[in-house]
């Protein structure tokens, strides 16, 4: 389902209406400057609810934040979603959300051998996502 394409083949002009997140694994010049950091916004919402409810609420809070952004926004800094206590599938949340509100992501990790990595092996928040299992396009 997922695609990995080299940056030189990617055209920003052809992404409208895709209904799946574009994941920039090596963001091109200038995109990080215009990207919206959502870590603090999401953390503020999560801290307002009980710890036992955060896993259930994180997707709702993510969607609420996205709803306030313009269509096609690029987001970054969403590391709070990888907190191992929340036990959520971050890419699943993003693919579902993108069907309602188009956005792109600057990935806070690396992409190798058809997989997206977050953090380093040995850390509690280490995650590996097989790109083929998600409806995403990764630009490397």
C-alpha atoms as a PDB file:
ATOM      1  CA  UNK A   1       0.000   0.000   0.000  1.00  0.00           C
ATOM      2  CA  UNK A   2       2.691   2.512   0.961  1.00  0.00           C
ATOM      3  CA  UNK A   3       5.169   4.043  -1.439  1.00  0.00           C
ATOM      4  CA  UNK A   4       8.732   5.191  -1.064  1.00  0.00           C
ATOM      5  CA  UNK A   5       9.951   7.613  -3.699  1.00  0.00           C
ATOM      6  CA  UNK A   6      13.213   9.493  -4.080  1.00  0.00           C
ATOM      7  CA  UNK A   7      13.029  13.243  -3.529  1.00  0.00           C
ATOM      8  CA  UNK A   8      14.150  13.991  -7.089  1.00  0.00           C
ATOM      9  CA  UNK A   9      11.020  12.207  -8.446  1.00  0.00           C
ATOM     10  CA  UNK A  10       8.645  13.938  -6.047  1.00  0.00           C
ATOM     11  CA  UNK A  11       6.571  16.915  -7.139  1.00  0.00           C
ATOM     12  CA  UNK A  12       4.627  18.950  -4.594  1.00  0.00           C
ATOM     13  CA  UNK A  13       2.239  19.959  -7.389  1.00  0.00           C
ATOM     14  CA  UNK A  14       0.818  16.426  -7.718  1.00  0.00           C
ATOM     15  CA  UNK A  15      -0.182  15.730  -4.119  1.00  0.00           C
ATOM     16  CA  UNK A  16      -3.581  17.394  -3.875  1.00  0.00           C
ATOM     17  CA  UNK A  17      -6.398  14.925  -3.351  1.00  0.00           C
ATOM     18  CA  UNK A  18      -4.143  11.991  -2.395  1.00  0.00           C
ATOM     19  CA  UNK A  19      -5.912  11.462   0.954  1.00  0.00           C
ATOM     20  CA  UNK A  20      -2.781   9.956   2.438  1.00  0.00           C
ATOM     21  CA  UNK A  21       0.021  11.616   4.320  1.00  0.00           C
ATOM     22  CA  UNK A  22       3.236  12.541   2.564  1.00  0.00           C
ATOM     23  CA  UNK A  23       6.103  11.724   4.907  1.00  0.00           C
ATOM     24  CA  UNK A  24       9.262  13.710   4.296  1.00  0.00           C
ATOM     25  CA  UNK A  25      12.166  11.622   5.532  1.00  0.00           C
ATOM     26  CA  UNK A  26      14.709  14.116   4.257  1.00  0.00           C
ATOM     27  CA  UNK A  27      12.828  17.409   4.065  1.00  0.00           C
ATOM     28  CA  UNK A  28      13.774  19.587   1.148  1.00  0.00           C
ATOM     29  CA  UNK A  29      14.981  23.122   1.559  1.00  0.00           C
ATOM     30  CA  UNK A  30      12.518  25.478   3.194  1.00  0.00           C
ATOM     31  CA  UNK A  31       9.808  22.982   4.136  1.00  0.00           C
ATOM     32  CA  UNK A  32      10.928  22.741   7.767  1.00  0.00           C
ATOM     33  CA  UNK A  33      10.714  26.528   8.034  1.00  0.00           C
ATOM     34  CA  UNK A  34       7.004  26.536   7.224  1.00  0.00           C
ATOM     35  CA  UNK A  35       6.112  23.321   9.100  1.00  0.00           C
ATOM     36  CA  UNK A  36       3.909  23.571  12.175  1.00  0.00           C
ATOM     37  CA  UNK A  37       5.224  22.090  15.405  1.00  0.00           C
ATOM     38  CA  UNK A  38       2.387  20.301  17.188  1.00  0.00           C
ATOM     39  CA  UNK A  39       4.225  18.711  20.121  1.00  0.00           C
ATOM     40  CA  UNK A  40       3.414  21.438  22.638  1.00  0.00           C
ATOM     41  CA  UNK A  41      -0.179  21.800  21.443  1.00  0.00           C
ATOM     42  CA  UNK A  42      -0.768  18.074  21.789  1.00  0.00           C
ATOM     43  CA  UNK A  43       1.026  17.813  25.131  1.00  0.00           C
ATOM     44  CA  UNK A  44      -1.118  20.613  26.600  1.00  0.00           C
ATOM     45  CA  UNK A  45      -4.297  18.765  25.640  1.00  0.00           C
ATOM     46  CA  UNK A  46      -3.006  15.439  26.951  1.00  0.00           C
ATOM     47  CA  UNK A  47      -1.947  16.876  30.299  1.00  0.00           C
ATOM     48  CA  UNK A  48      -5.493  18.137  30.849  1.00  0.00           C
ATOM     49  CA  UNK A  49      -6.897  14.610  30.972  1.00  0.00           C
ATOM     50  CA  UNK A  50      -6.166  11.716  33.299  1.00  0.00           C
ATOM     51  CA  UNK A  51      -3.228   9.467  32.443  1.00  0.00           C
ATOM     52  CA  UNK A  52      -5.557   6.494  32.059  1.00  0.00           C
ATOM     53  CA  UNK A  53      -7.556   8.325  29.372  1.00  0.00           C
ATOM     54  CA  UNK A  54      -4.694   9.693  27.291  1.00  0.00           C
ATOM     55  CA  UNK A  55      -4.371   6.666  25.014  1.00  0.00           C
ATOM     56  CA  UNK A  56      -8.074   6.900  24.173  1.00  0.00           C
ATOM     57  CA  UNK A  57      -7.953  10.663  23.635  1.00  0.00           C
ATOM     58  CA  UNK A  58      -4.717  11.185  21.688  1.00  0.00           C
ATOM     59  CA  UNK A  59      -6.324  10.564  18.291  1.00  0.00           C
ATOM     60  CA  UNK A  60      -9.146  13.001  19.047  1.00  0.00           C
ATOM     61  CA  UNK A  61      -6.689  15.642  20.219  1.00  0.00           C
ATOM     62  CA  UNK A  62      -4.521  15.124  17.130  1.00  0.00           C
ATOM     63  CA  UNK A  63      -7.564  15.629  14.896  1.00  0.00           C
ATOM     64  CA  UNK A  64      -8.614  18.742  16.827  1.00  0.00           C
ATOM     65  CA  UNK A  65      -5.196  20.291  16.267  1.00  0.00           C
ATOM     66  CA  UNK A  66      -5.238  19.372  12.579  1.00  0.00           C
ATOM     67  CA  UNK A  67      -8.679  20.909  12.148  1.00  0.00           C
ATOM     68  CA  UNK A  68      -7.215  24.290  13.109  1.00  0.00           C
ATOM     69  CA  UNK A  69      -4.509  24.094  10.420  1.00  0.00           C
ATOM     70  CA  UNK A  70      -4.960  24.915   6.747  1.00  0.00           C
ATOM     71  CA  UNK A  71      -5.412  22.056   4.274  1.00  0.00           C
ATOM     72  CA  UNK A  72      -2.066  20.756   3.096  1.00  0.00           C
ATOM     73  CA  UNK A  73      -0.183  21.913   6.192  1.00  0.00           C
ATOM     74  CA  UNK A  74       3.138  20.292   6.976  1.00  0.00           C
ATOM     75  CA  UNK A  75       3.504  19.183  10.582  1.00  0.00           C
ATOM     76  CA  UNK A  76       6.599  18.393  12.602  1.00  0.00           C
ATOM     77  CA  UNK A  77       7.576  17.715  16.199  1.00  0.00           C
ATOM     78  CA  UNK A  78       4.912  15.207  17.210  1.00  0.00           C
ATOM     79  CA  UNK A  79       7.203  13.104  19.414  1.00  0.00           C
ATOM     80  CA  UNK A  80       4.710  13.070  22.295  1.00  0.00           C
ATOM     81  CA  UNK A  81       2.635  10.614  20.246  1.00  0.00           C
ATOM     82  CA  UNK A  82       5.432   8.034  20.538  1.00  0.00           C
ATOM     83  CA  UNK A  83       5.273   7.940  24.335  1.00  0.00           C
ATOM     84  CA  UNK A  84       5.252   4.171  25.048  1.00  0.00           C
ATOM     85  CA  UNK A  85       2.610   4.639  27.761  1.00  0.00           C
ATOM     86  CA  UNK A  86       0.047   5.658  25.120  1.00  0.00           C
ATOM     87  CA  UNK A  87       0.288   2.432  23.091  1.00  0.00           C
ATOM     88  CA  UNK A  88      -0.983   3.977  19.849  1.00  0.00           C
ATOM     89  CA  UNK A  89      -0.119   3.322  16.227  1.00  0.00           C
ATOM     90  CA  UNK A  90       1.035   6.786  15.169  1.00  0.00           C
ATOM     91  CA  UNK A  91       0.979   6.050  11.430  1.00  0.00           C
ATOM     92  CA  UNK A  92      -2.532   4.591  11.612  1.00  0.00           C
ATOM     93  CA  UNK A  93      -3.740   7.734  13.384  1.00  0.00           C
ATOM     94  CA  UNK A  94      -2.147   9.859  10.668  1.00  0.00           C
ATOM     95  CA  UNK A  95      -3.503   7.880   7.723  1.00  0.00           C
ATOM     96  CA  UNK A  96      -7.041   8.015   9.108  1.00  0.00           C
ATOM     97  CA  UNK A  97      -6.761  11.740   9.893  1.00  0.00           C
ATOM     98  CA  UNK A  98      -5.426  12.567   6.440  1.00  0.00           C
ATOM     99  CA  UNK A  99      -8.590  11.227   4.796  1.00  0.00           C
ATOM    100  CA  UNK A 100     -10.492  14.026   6.559  1.00  0.00           C
ATOM    101  CA  UNK A 101      -7.865  16.770   6.496  1.00  0.00           C
ATOM    102  CA  UNK A 102      -4.889  16.635   4.109  1.00  0.00           C
ATOM    103  CA  UNK A 103      -1.461  17.236   5.636  1.00  0.00           C
ATOM    104  CA  UNK A 104       2.168  16.178   5.317  1.00  0.00           C
ATOM    105  CA  UNK A 105       4.713  15.191   7.938  1.00  0.00           C
ATOM    106  CA  UNK A 106       8.389  15.763   8.563  1.00  0.00           C
ATOM    107  CA  UNK A 107       9.394  12.381   9.969  1.00  0.00           C
ATOM    108  CA  UNK A 108      11.418  12.567  13.200  1.00  0.00           C
ATOM    109  CA  UNK A 109      13.446   9.473  12.379  1.00  0.00           C
ATOM    110  CA  UNK A 110      14.838   7.606   9.423  1.00  0.00           C
ATOM    111  CA  UNK A 111      13.636   5.474   6.530  1.00  0.00           C
ATOM    112  CA  UNK A 112      15.608   2.377   5.538  1.00  0.00           C
ATOM    113  CA  UNK A 113      14.791  -0.881   3.760  1.00  0.00           C
ATOM    114  CA  UNK A 114      11.085  -0.061   3.419  1.00  0.00           C
ATOM    115  CA  UNK A 115      10.679   0.808   7.078  1.00  0.00           C
ATOM    116  CA  UNK A 116      10.248   3.998   9.064  1.00  0.00           C
ATOM    117  CA  UNK A 117      12.168   4.123  12.322  1.00  0.00           C
ATOM    118  CA  UNK A 118      11.533   6.296  15.331  1.00  0.00           C
ATOM    119  CA  UNK A 119      14.223   6.536  18.049  1.00  0.00           C
ATOM    120  CA  UNK A 120      17.068   4.066  18.448  1.00  0.00           C
ATOM    121  CA  UNK A 121      16.862   0.380  19.246  1.00  0.00           C
ATOM    122  CA  UNK A 122      17.052  -0.149  22.988  1.00  0.00           C
ATOM    123  CA  UNK A 123      14.955   2.888  23.929  1.00  0.00           C
ATOM    124  CA  UNK A 124      11.416   2.441  25.249  1.00  0.00           C
ATOM    125  CA  UNK A 125       9.928   4.654  22.534  1.00  0.00           C
ATOM    126  CA  UNK A 126      11.672   2.801  19.672  1.00  0.00           C
ATOM    127  CA  UNK A 127       9.203   2.008  16.879  1.00  0.00           C
ATOM    128  CA  UNK A 128       9.494   0.419  13.453  1.00  0.00           C
ATOM    129  CA  UNK A 129       6.770   0.823  10.846  1.00  0.00           C
ATOM    130  CA  UNK A 130       6.669  -1.252   7.667  1.00  0.00           C
ATOM    131  CA  UNK A 131       5.740   1.298   4.976  1.00  0.00           C
ATOM    132  CA  UNK A 132       3.900  -1.352   2.916  1.00  0.00           C
ATOM    133  CA  UNK A 133       1.358  -1.762   5.722  1.00  0.00           C
ATOM    134  CA  UNK A 134       0.246   1.889   5.657  1.00  0.00           C
ATOM    135  CA  UNK A 135      -1.334   4.128   3.039  1.00  0.00           C
ATOM    136  CA  UNK A 136       1.497   6.689   3.033  1.00  0.00           C
ATOM    137  CA  UNK A 137       4.033   8.097   0.615  1.00  0.00           C
ATOM    138  CA  UNK A 138       7.545   8.489   1.961  1.00  0.00           C
ATOM    139  CA  UNK A 139       9.870  10.943   0.239  1.00  0.00           C
ATOM    140  CA  UNK A 140      13.495   9.967   0.789  1.00  0.00           C
END
